């Protein structure tokens, strides 16, 4: 059974940074596609970035240039480095791989 566990959320001021982590169990993340999705209060889920099995990454325009996805295969973990955070980035962030979803981690950007 695949399980994904996110961590690293919190409250940060506008312009600040956070790094989210997603650690998988039940599957090896190397060579599989995995992505990050967020959901803001009262809004639908928004796909942010996908790290494909061929090494390509695709970012949503809303986060391009500010967010970076990376992998640490030895830890079976994927990261989302988020810089220059804005209040509109406030949301619950999920990692997603196929039908598997993590429980989410809350990010709040507020002064």
Protein backbone atom coordinates (compact mmCIF):
# COMPACT_ATOMS: atom_id res chain seq x y z
CA UNK A 1 0.00 0.00 0.00
CA UNK A 2 1.38 3.35 -1.06
CA UNK A 3 1.44 6.06 1.57
CA UNK A 4 2.55 9.66 1.15
CA UNK A 5 3.26 11.88 4.16
CA UNK A 6 3.77 15.62 3.78
CA UNK A 7 5.47 17.91 6.26
CA UNK A 8 7.04 21.33 6.44
CA UNK A 9 4.04 23.60 6.33
CA UNK A 10 3.62 26.59 8.58
CA UNK A 11 3.04 30.31 8.72
CA UNK A 12 5.39 32.67 6.95
CA UNK A 13 5.41 36.35 6.06
CA UNK A 14 5.02 37.48 2.46
CA UNK A 15 8.31 37.15 0.64
CA UNK A 16 9.39 34.29 2.86
CA UNK A 17 10.27 30.70 2.05
CA UNK A 18 9.25 27.22 3.10
CA UNK A 19 10.31 23.75 2.05
CA UNK A 20 7.72 21.02 2.01
CA UNK A 21 8.62 17.34 2.12
CA UNK A 22 6.71 14.31 0.90
CA UNK A 23 8.01 10.93 2.01
CA UNK A 24 6.68 7.79 0.39
CA UNK A 25 6.34 4.25 1.67
CA UNK A 26 5.20 1.20 -0.20
CA UNK A 27 6.82 2.32 -3.43
CA UNK A 28 10.16 3.62 -4.66
CA UNK A 29 9.80 7.15 -5.96
CA UNK A 30 12.72 6.92 -8.31
CA UNK A 31 11.49 6.85 -11.90
CA UNK A 32 7.85 7.54 -11.08
CA UNK A 33 5.91 10.70 -11.71
CA UNK A 34 4.92 12.69 -8.63
CA UNK A 35 3.53 16.15 -8.14
CA UNK A 36 2.30 18.79 -5.76
CA UNK A 37 -1.24 20.12 -5.66
CA UNK A 38 -2.81 22.74 -3.42
CA UNK A 39 -6.27 23.69 -2.37
CA UNK A 40 -7.13 27.10 -1.00
CA UNK A 41 -10.19 27.64 1.19
CA UNK A 42 -13.33 27.68 -0.94
CA UNK A 43 -11.45 26.80 -4.12
CA UNK A 44 -10.76 23.71 -6.15
CA UNK A 45 -7.49 21.83 -6.28
CA UNK A 46 -4.72 23.44 -8.32
CA UNK A 47 -1.91 21.41 -9.82
CA UNK A 48 1.40 23.14 -9.16
CA UNK A 49 4.16 20.95 -10.50
CA UNK A 50 4.76 17.45 -11.75
CA UNK A 51 8.12 15.71 -11.73
CA UNK A 52 7.87 13.19 -14.53
CA UNK A 53 9.57 9.81 -14.73
CA UNK A 54 11.72 11.03 -17.61
CA UNK A 55 13.12 13.85 -15.55
CA UNK A 56 10.97 16.62 -16.99
CA UNK A 57 9.22 19.00 -14.67
CA UNK A 58 6.14 21.03 -15.50
CA UNK A 59 5.17 24.03 -13.39
CA UNK A 60 1.95 25.97 -13.24
CA UNK A 61 2.33 29.59 -14.31
CA UNK A 62 1.27 30.71 -10.84
CA UNK A 63 4.40 29.23 -9.25
CA UNK A 64 6.92 29.15 -12.11
CA UNK A 65 10.16 30.79 -11.05
CA UNK A 66 9.25 30.69 -7.35
CA UNK A 67 8.71 27.01 -6.57
CA UNK A 68 11.12 24.16 -7.26
CA UNK A 69 10.51 20.43 -7.00
CA UNK A 70 13.37 18.07 -6.23
CA UNK A 71 13.90 14.47 -5.21
CA UNK A 72 16.14 12.73 -2.73
CA UNK A 73 15.95 9.13 -3.78
CA UNK A 74 17.98 7.83 -0.84
CA UNK A 75 15.23 9.13 1.46
CA UNK A 76 12.38 8.31 -0.93
CA UNK A 77 11.35 11.92 -0.53
CA UNK A 78 10.25 14.71 -2.81
CA UNK A 79 10.59 18.34 -1.82
CA UNK A 80 8.86 21.54 -2.82
CA UNK A 81 11.00 24.60 -2.22
CA UNK A 82 8.76 27.65 -2.13
CA UNK A 83 10.29 31.12 -2.34
CA UNK A 84 8.86 34.61 -2.60
CA UNK A 85 5.64 33.43 -1.01
CA UNK A 86 2.52 35.51 -1.45
CA UNK A 87 -0.73 35.62 0.55
CA UNK A 88 -2.46 33.91 -2.36
CA UNK A 89 -0.20 30.90 -1.82
CA UNK A 90 -2.12 30.18 1.38
CA UNK A 91 -3.56 26.70 0.99
CA UNK A 92 -3.31 23.07 1.99
CA UNK A 93 -0.55 21.43 -0.03
CA UNK A 94 -0.70 17.79 -1.08
CA UNK A 95 1.70 15.50 -2.86
CA UNK A 96 0.12 13.19 -5.37
CA UNK A 97 1.23 10.10 -7.22
CA UNK A 98 -1.43 8.44 -9.31
CA UNK A 99 -4.27 7.50 -7.00
CA UNK A 100 -2.22 8.11 -3.87
CA UNK A 101 -2.53 11.35 -1.93
CA UNK A 102 -0.94 12.58 1.25
CA UNK A 103 -2.92 14.06 4.12
CA UNK A 104 -1.81 17.59 3.27
CA UNK A 105 0.19 20.25 5.05
CA UNK A 106 -1.07 23.77 5.70
CA UNK A 107 0.80 26.79 4.40
CA UNK A 108 -0.28 30.23 5.53
CA UNK A 109 1.30 33.38 4.15
CA UNK A 110 0.38 36.39 6.23
CA UNK A 111 1.90 39.48 7.72
